[in-house]
N, C-alpha and C. Protein backbone atom coordinates (compact mmCIF):
# COMPACT_ATOMS: atom_id res chain seq x y z
N MET A 1 -19.76 121.08 -123.07
CA MET A 1 -19.21 121.01 -121.26
C MET A 1 -17.73 121.65 -120.87
N LEU A 2 -16.83 121.20 -121.78
CA LEU A 2 -15.87 121.60 -121.35
C LEU A 2 -15.31 122.66 -121.19
N LEU A 3 -16.31 123.40 -122.04
CA LEU A 3 -15.84 125.10 -122.02
C LEU A 3 -16.93 125.12 -120.99
N LEU A 4 -17.86 125.08 -120.33
CA LEU A 4 -18.20 125.22 -119.46
C LEU A 4 -17.41 125.26 -117.37
N ILE A 5 -16.37 124.35 -118.26
CA ILE A 5 -15.83 124.23 -117.06
C ILE A 5 -14.59 124.62 -117.06
N ALA A 6 -14.24 124.98 -118.43
CA ALA A 6 -13.12 126.07 -118.01
C ALA A 6 -13.40 127.45 -118.33
N LEU A 7 -14.50 128.15 -117.98
CA LEU A 7 -15.50 128.85 -117.55
C LEU A 7 -15.82 129.45 -116.17
N ALA A 8 -16.01 128.06 -115.54
CA ALA A 8 -16.13 128.35 -114.25
C ALA A 8 -14.96 127.86 -113.65
N ASN A 9 -13.84 127.57 -113.91
CA ASN A 9 -12.13 127.58 -113.57
C ASN A 9 -11.56 128.63 -113.16
N ALA A 10 -11.72 129.67 -114.30
CA ALA A 10 -11.70 131.32 -114.65
C ALA A 10 -12.32 132.09 -113.75
N HIS A 11 -13.40 131.60 -113.66
CA HIS A 11 -14.49 132.70 -113.00
C HIS A 11 -13.89 132.43 -111.41
N LEU A 12 -13.33 131.21 -110.49
CA LEU A 12 -13.13 130.38 -109.74
C LEU A 12 -11.73 131.27 -109.65
N PHE A 13 -10.68 131.30 -110.34
CA PHE A 13 -9.60 132.09 -110.72
C PHE A 13 -9.78 133.27 -110.32
N ARG A 14 -10.22 133.91 -110.85
CA ARG A 14 -10.47 135.70 -110.64
C ARG A 14 -11.03 135.92 -109.22
N MET A 15 -11.88 135.12 -108.56
CA MET A 15 -12.56 135.14 -107.15
C MET A 15 -11.46 135.12 -106.25
N VAL A 16 -10.95 134.05 -106.45
CA VAL A 16 -9.59 133.89 -105.55
C VAL A 16 -8.54 135.34 -105.61
N GLU A 17 -8.21 135.82 -106.61
CA GLU A 17 -7.55 136.34 -107.44
C GLU A 17 -8.30 138.25 -106.42
N PHE A 18 -9.07 138.33 -106.42
CA PHE A 18 -9.75 139.31 -106.10
C PHE A 18 -9.98 139.17 -104.36
N ALA A 19 -9.98 138.47 -103.85
CA ALA A 19 -9.96 138.29 -102.40
C ALA A 19 -8.32 138.08 -101.79
N ALA A 20 -7.63 137.90 -102.79
CA ALA A 20 -5.82 138.01 -102.51
C ALA A 20 -5.60 139.35 -102.18
N LEU A 21 -6.25 139.91 -103.30
CA LEU A 21 -5.98 141.35 -103.53
C LEU A 21 -6.84 142.37 -102.35
N LEU A 22 -7.85 142.02 -102.07
CA LEU A 22 -8.95 142.52 -101.03
C LEU A 22 -8.24 142.71 -99.70
N GLY A 23 -7.54 141.20 -99.15
CA GLY A 23 -6.82 140.75 -98.10
C GLY A 23 -5.47 141.67 -98.28
N THR A 24 -4.67 141.88 -98.99
CA THR A 24 -3.63 142.66 -99.31
C THR A 24 -3.46 143.86 -98.39
N TRP A 25 -4.79 144.54 -99.13
CA TRP A 25 -5.00 145.85 -99.56
C TRP A 25 -5.47 146.51 -97.90
N ALA A 26 -6.14 145.41 -97.15
CA ALA A 26 -6.67 145.50 -95.62
C ALA A 26 -5.97 145.44 -94.89
N ALA A 27 -4.96 144.65 -95.13
CA ALA A 27 -3.71 144.28 -94.16
C ALA A 27 -2.73 145.50 -94.66
N ARG A 28 -2.26 146.36 -95.58
CA ARG A 28 -1.61 147.31 -95.19
C ARG A 28 -2.14 148.13 -95.23
N ARG A 29 -3.61 148.53 -95.16
CA ARG A 29 -4.29 149.38 -94.35
C ARG A 29 -4.24 149.73 -93.15
N ARG A 30 -4.48 148.69 -92.29
CA ARG A 30 -4.31 148.14 -90.83
C ARG A 30 -2.68 148.79 -90.54
N LEU A 31 -1.76 148.44 -91.36
CA LEU A 31 -0.25 148.61 -90.64
C LEU A 31 -0.47 149.82 -90.98
N LEU A 32 -0.52 150.83 -92.17
CA LEU A 32 -0.34 152.09 -92.32
C LEU A 32 -1.06 153.31 -90.73
N GLU A 33 -2.89 152.50 -90.92
CA GLU A 33 -3.30 153.11 -89.69
C GLU A 33 -2.60 153.16 -88.12
N ASP A 34 -1.98 151.84 -87.74
CA ASP A 34 -1.61 151.68 -86.37
C ASP A 34 -0.24 150.77 -86.68
N PRO A 35 0.96 151.36 -87.13
CA PRO A 35 1.91 151.03 -87.08
C PRO A 35 2.91 150.52 -85.77
N ALA A 36 2.12 151.28 -85.12
CA ALA A 36 3.20 150.88 -83.33
C ALA A 36 2.68 148.81 -83.03
N ARG A 37 1.47 149.25 -83.33
CA ARG A 37 0.63 147.90 -82.84
C ARG A 37 1.29 146.53 -83.76
N HIS A 38 2.16 146.70 -85.07
CA HIS A 38 2.70 146.16 -85.81
C HIS A 38 4.19 146.09 -85.74
N ARG A 39 4.72 146.62 -84.75
CA ARG A 39 6.14 146.78 -84.42
C ARG A 39 6.83 145.58 -85.03
N ASN A 40 6.73 144.44 -84.09
CA ASN A 40 7.17 143.22 -84.61
C ASN A 40 7.47 142.36 -85.58
N LEU A 41 6.24 143.28 -86.78
CA LEU A 41 6.32 142.35 -87.79
C LEU A 41 7.24 143.50 -89.01
N LEU A 42 7.58 144.74 -88.78
CA LEU A 42 8.30 145.27 -89.07
C LEU A 42 9.68 145.77 -89.04
N ARG A 43 10.16 144.76 -88.23
CA ARG A 43 11.66 144.76 -87.69
C ARG A 43 11.88 143.82 -89.01
């Protein structure tokens, strides 16, 4: 039972890690596509 909980927690961590990487990639892509729109963040 504890092994099952540990595996579920590891899987959840991987999903959160993937979502964070995907969000970072998407944000960087938008920033590179239209830097003028994000000029305030770049200062």
